[in-house]
Amino acid sequence: MSKSRRIGTGFESAIVGWLRGEGFDAERLTLSGNLDEGDVVVRDGAVTIIEAKAERSIDLSSYVNEAKVERDNYCRKRSLDPSAVDAVAVVKRRGKSIGEAYVVTTLDEYFA
């Protein structure tokens, strides 16, 4: 496993651990190639797909776009309405705890 993959896997696991510690039903999703369904799913009445990013250079626009595509893949496979499932990117902040990671989405996604 490459160093970047190990970092990403560790970050995803840390997100799941933090969410579970806060009482959320969260689990890591498996890679599905070009039909990837996101990195983490959270179920707390609503469903949220998380695209986790732990990169040196931050590109918010591409992260949000990727989260939406992966949410759509997740919904398609399960016959869910994408408008009923949230899509966010969680971005690691260097030198900060997991609870201080950024959660990024659009106004349309957030308030829909």
C-alpha atoms as a PDB file:
ATOM      1  CA  MET A   1       0.000   0.000   0.000  1.00  0.00           C
ATOM      2  CA  SER A   2       1.349   3.416  -0.965  1.00  0.00           C
ATOM      3  CA  LYS A   3       2.073   6.091   1.625  1.00  0.00           C
ATOM      4  CA  SER A   4      -0.747   8.316   0.344  1.00  0.00           C
ATOM      5  CA  ARG A   5      -3.206   5.405   0.460  1.00  0.00           C
ATOM      6  CA  ARG A   6      -2.152   4.636   4.067  1.00  0.00           C
ATOM      7  CA  ILE A   7      -2.686   8.289   5.013  1.00  0.00           C
ATOM      8  CA  GLY A   8      -6.102   8.326   3.347  1.00  0.00           C
ATOM      9  CA  THR A   9      -7.171   5.059   4.963  1.00  0.00           C
ATOM     10  CA  GLY A  10      -6.020   6.319   8.351  1.00  0.00           C
ATOM     11  CA  PHE A  11      -7.957   9.563   7.908  1.00  0.00           C
ATOM     12  CA  GLU A  12     -11.133   7.689   6.881  1.00  0.00           C
ATOM     13  CA  SER A  13     -10.803   5.404   9.921  1.00  0.00           C
ATOM     14  CA  ALA A  14     -10.272   8.425  12.179  1.00  0.00           C
ATOM     15  CA  ILE A  15     -13.431  10.045  10.793  1.00  0.00           C
ATOM     16  CA  VAL A  16     -15.446   6.887  11.477  1.00  0.00           C
ATOM     17  CA  GLY A  17     -13.998   6.608  14.979  1.00  0.00           C
ATOM     18  CA  TRP A  18     -14.793  10.238  15.768  1.00  0.00           C
ATOM     19  CA  LEU A  19     -18.345   9.958  14.392  1.00  0.00           C
ATOM     20  CA  ARG A  20     -19.035   6.761  16.355  1.00  0.00           C
ATOM     21  CA  GLY A  21     -17.626   8.412  19.467  1.00  0.00           C
ATOM     22  CA  GLU A  22     -20.188  11.185  18.959  1.00  0.00           C
ATOM     23  CA  GLY A  23     -22.990   8.602  18.703  1.00  0.00           C
ATOM     24  CA  PHE A  24     -23.400   8.420  14.923  1.00  0.00           C
ATOM     25  CA  ASP A  25     -23.878   5.247  12.891  1.00  0.00           C
ATOM     26  CA  ALA A  26     -20.888   5.487  10.522  1.00  0.00           C
ATOM     27  CA  GLU A  27     -18.937   3.026   8.410  1.00  0.00           C
ATOM     28  CA  ARG A  28     -16.234   3.051   5.775  1.00  0.00           C
ATOM     29  CA  LEU A  29     -17.301   2.176   2.248  1.00  0.00           C
ATOM     30  CA  THR A  30     -15.265  -0.046  -0.053  1.00  0.00           C
ATOM     31  CA  LEU A  31     -13.570   1.279  -3.176  1.00  0.00           C
ATOM     32  CA  SER A  32     -15.575   0.679  -6.349  1.00  0.00           C
ATOM     33  CA  GLY A  33     -13.302   2.090  -9.053  1.00  0.00           C
ATOM     34  CA  ASN A  34     -14.991   4.619 -11.336  1.00  0.00           C
ATOM     35  CA  LEU A  35     -18.300   3.836  -9.585  1.00  0.00           C
ATOM     36  CA  ASP A  36     -16.909   4.753  -6.161  1.00  0.00           C
ATOM     37  CA  GLU A  37     -19.630   5.481  -3.597  1.00  0.00           C
ATOM     38  CA  GLY A  38     -17.651   7.707  -1.231  1.00  0.00           C
ATOM     39  CA  ASP A  39     -15.383   6.935   1.692  1.00  0.00           C
ATOM     40  CA  VAL A  40     -17.756   6.986   4.664  1.00  0.00           C
ATOM     41  CA  VAL A  41     -21.516   6.740   5.074  1.00  0.00           C
ATOM     42  CA  VAL A  42     -23.283   8.232   8.097  1.00  0.00           C
ATOM     43  CA  ARG A  43     -26.821   7.260   8.993  1.00  0.00           C
ATOM     44  CA  ASP A  44     -28.536   9.384  11.630  1.00  0.00           C
ATOM     45  CA  GLY A  45     -32.080   9.573  10.314  1.00  0.00           C
ATOM     46  CA  ALA A  46     -30.625  11.179   7.201  1.00  0.00           C
ATOM     47  CA  VAL A  47     -27.874   9.627   5.114  1.00  0.00           C
ATOM     48  CA  THR A  48     -24.631  11.485   4.420  1.00  0.00           C
ATOM     49  CA  ILE A  49     -21.883  10.394   2.055  1.00  0.00           C
ATOM     50  CA  ILE A  50     -18.432  11.679   2.994  1.00  0.00           C
ATOM     51  CA  GLU A  51     -15.533  12.106   0.620  1.00  0.00           C
ATOM     52  CA  ALA A  52     -12.463  12.235   2.881  1.00  0.00           C
ATOM     53  CA  LYS A  53      -9.401  14.226   1.793  1.00  0.00           C
ATOM     54  CA  ALA A  54      -6.031  14.371   3.543  1.00  0.00           C
ATOM     55  CA  GLU A  55      -3.941  16.093   0.883  1.00  0.00           C
ATOM     56  CA  ARG A  56      -1.194  18.663   1.097  1.00  0.00           C
ATOM     57  CA  SER A  57      -2.831  20.923  -1.503  1.00  0.00           C
ATOM     58  CA  ILE A  58      -6.561  21.638  -1.011  1.00  0.00           C
ATOM     59  CA  ASP A  59      -8.989  21.846  -3.968  1.00  0.00           C
ATOM     60  CA  LEU A  60     -12.453  22.404  -2.469  1.00  0.00           C
ATOM     61  CA  SER A  61     -14.300  22.568  -5.783  1.00  0.00           C
ATOM     62  CA  SER A  62     -13.096  19.172  -6.979  1.00  0.00           C
ATOM     63  CA  TYR A  63     -13.764  17.609  -3.548  1.00  0.00           C
ATOM     64  CA  VAL A  64     -17.375  18.793  -3.527  1.00  0.00           C
ATOM     65  CA  ASN A  65     -17.885  17.666  -7.122  1.00  0.00           C
ATOM     66  CA  GLU A  66     -16.423  14.250  -6.305  1.00  0.00           C
ATOM     67  CA  ALA A  67     -18.651  13.911  -3.224  1.00  0.00           C
ATOM     68  CA  LYS A  68     -21.745  14.598  -5.336  1.00  0.00           C
ATOM     69  CA  VAL A  69     -20.779  12.057  -8.017  1.00  0.00           C
ATOM     70  CA  GLU A  70     -20.076   9.429  -5.373  1.00  0.00           C
ATOM     71  CA  ARG A  71     -23.352  10.191  -3.587  1.00  0.00           C
ATOM     72  CA  ASP A  72     -25.156   9.639  -6.900  1.00  0.00           C
ATOM     73  CA  ASN A  73     -23.333   6.300  -7.363  1.00  0.00           C
ATOM     74  CA  TYR A  74     -24.291   5.263  -3.805  1.00  0.00           C
ATOM     75  CA  CYS A  75     -27.931   6.159  -4.446  1.00  0.00           C
ATOM     76  CA  ARG A  76     -28.088   4.496  -7.858  1.00  0.00           C
ATOM     77  CA  LYS A  77     -26.841   1.183  -6.455  1.00  0.00           C
ATOM     78  CA  ARG A  78     -29.456   1.284  -3.670  1.00  0.00           C
ATOM     79  CA  SER A  79     -32.358   2.848  -5.614  1.00  0.00           C
ATOM     80  CA  LEU A  80     -32.350   5.917  -3.369  1.00  0.00           C
ATOM     81  CA  ASP A  81     -33.352   9.435  -4.341  1.00  0.00           C
ATOM     82  CA  PRO A  82     -30.116  11.513  -4.407  1.00  0.00           C
ATOM     83  CA  SER A  83     -32.018  14.546  -3.108  1.00  0.00           C
ATOM     84  CA  ALA A  84     -32.572  12.608   0.134  1.00  0.00           C
ATOM     85  CA  VAL A  85     -28.842  11.918   0.660  1.00  0.00           C
ATOM     86  CA  ASP A  86     -26.306  14.569   1.650  1.00  0.00           C
ATOM     87  CA  ALA A  87     -22.848  14.807   0.050  1.00  0.00           C
ATOM     88  CA  VAL A  88     -19.936  16.466   1.848  1.00  0.00           C
ATOM     89  CA  ALA A  89     -16.171  16.509   1.725  1.00  0.00           C
ATOM     90  CA  VAL A  90     -14.256  16.260   4.996  1.00  0.00           C
ATOM     91  CA  VAL A  91     -10.818  17.839   4.639  1.00  0.00           C
ATOM     92  CA  LYS A  92      -7.973  17.228   7.063  1.00  0.00           C
ATOM     93  CA  ARG A  93      -6.444  20.291   8.691  1.00  0.00           C
ATOM     94  CA  ARG A  94      -2.720  19.911   9.213  1.00  0.00           C
ATOM     95  CA  GLY A  95      -1.727  19.919  12.855  1.00  0.00           C
ATOM     96  CA  LYS A  96      -5.336  19.802  14.083  1.00  0.00           C
ATOM     97  CA  SER A  97      -7.431  17.064  15.682  1.00  0.00           C
ATOM     98  CA  ILE A  98      -9.931  15.042  13.660  1.00  0.00           C
ATOM     99  CA  GLY A  99     -12.793  17.009  15.205  1.00  0.00           C
ATOM    100  CA  GLU A 100     -11.324  20.187  13.704  1.00  0.00           C
ATOM    101  CA  ALA A 101     -11.402  18.915  10.100  1.00  0.00           C
ATOM    102  CA  TYR A 102     -13.283  21.028   7.577  1.00  0.00           C
ATOM    103  CA  VAL A 103     -16.701  19.907   6.333  1.00  0.00           C
ATOM    104  CA  VAL A 104     -17.283  21.335   2.865  1.00  0.00           C
ATOM    105  CA  THR A 105     -20.378  21.445   0.698  1.00  0.00           C
ATOM    106  CA  THR A 106     -22.401  23.975  -1.282  1.00  0.00           C
ATOM    107  CA  LEU A 107     -25.257  26.159  -0.084  1.00  0.00           C
ATOM    108  CA  ASP A 108     -27.629  24.201  -2.349  1.00  0.00           C
ATOM    109  CA  GLU A 109     -26.528  20.877  -0.814  1.00  0.00           C
ATOM    110  CA  TYR A 110     -26.572  22.160   2.741  1.00  0.00           C
ATOM    111  CA  PHE A 111     -29.970  23.810   2.679  1.00  0.00           C
ATOM    112  CA  ALA A 112     -31.783  21.490   0.261  1.00  0.00           C
END
